[in-house]
Amino acid sequence: MKRIFEFNKLENLSNKEIAALMKVFDKTVRNKLSNALKTIKLKITTR
C-alpha cells in the first residue's frame, strides 16, 4: 500500500501506470490508494 501511495503522490503516476508496474489490476490500485488515504486521515484526526 505504501509503495502504491508513493508512486501516485510522489512520482505522479496514474493508476494504470502503477497497475502495469506492479502487475496488478487497476481496481486493486484504486482500492489500495483509498485505504491509504483513509488510514492517513484517521491518524491525522486522532492526534
Protein backbone atom coordinates (compact mmCIF):
# COMPACT_ATOMS: atom_id res chain seq x y z
CA MET A 1 0.00 0.00 0.00
CA LYS A 2 2.83 2.40 0.85
CA ARG A 3 4.59 1.91 -2.47
CA ILE A 4 1.37 2.47 -4.43
CA PHE A 5 0.78 5.70 -2.49
CA GLU A 6 4.35 6.85 -3.19
CA PHE A 7 4.03 6.08 -6.90
CA ASN A 8 0.79 8.03 -7.09
CA LYS A 9 1.52 11.05 -4.91
CA LEU A 10 5.30 11.47 -5.12
CA GLU A 11 6.03 10.22 -8.62
CA ASN A 12 2.71 11.34 -10.16
CA LEU A 13 2.00 8.01 -11.84
CA SER A 14 -1.54 7.17 -12.92
CA ASN A 15 -3.42 4.18 -11.56
CA LYS A 16 -2.97 2.38 -14.89
CA GLU A 17 0.79 3.01 -14.86
CA ILE A 18 1.08 1.75 -11.28
CA ALA A 19 -1.01 -1.32 -12.09
CA ALA A 20 1.27 -2.14 -15.03
CA LEU A 21 4.42 -1.68 -12.93
CA MET A 22 3.17 -3.83 -10.09
CA LYS A 23 1.38 -6.36 -12.30
CA VAL A 24 -1.96 -5.91 -10.55
CA PHE A 25 -5.40 -4.79 -11.67
CA ASP A 26 -6.30 -1.10 -11.93
CA LYS A 27 -9.06 -1.62 -9.36
CA THR A 28 -6.53 -3.03 -6.88
CA VAL A 29 -4.51 0.18 -7.15
CA ARG A 30 -7.64 2.29 -6.57
CA ASN A 31 -8.61 0.24 -3.52
CA LYS A 32 -5.11 0.42 -2.02
CA LEU A 33 -4.96 4.20 -2.56
CA SER A 34 -8.36 4.64 -0.97
CA ASN A 35 -7.29 2.57 2.05
CA ALA A 36 -4.05 4.53 2.37
CA LEU A 37 -5.89 7.87 2.36
CA LYS A 38 -8.40 6.63 4.94
CA THR A 39 -5.53 5.48 7.17
CA ILE A 40 -3.73 8.82 6.85
CA LYS A 41 -6.89 10.81 7.59
CA LEU A 42 -7.62 8.65 10.63
CA LYS A 43 -4.10 9.13 12.00
CA ILE A 44 -4.26 12.89 11.46
CA THR A 45 -7.65 13.32 13.11
CA THR A 46 -6.85 11.18 16.15
CA ARG A 47 -3.76 13.12 17.21
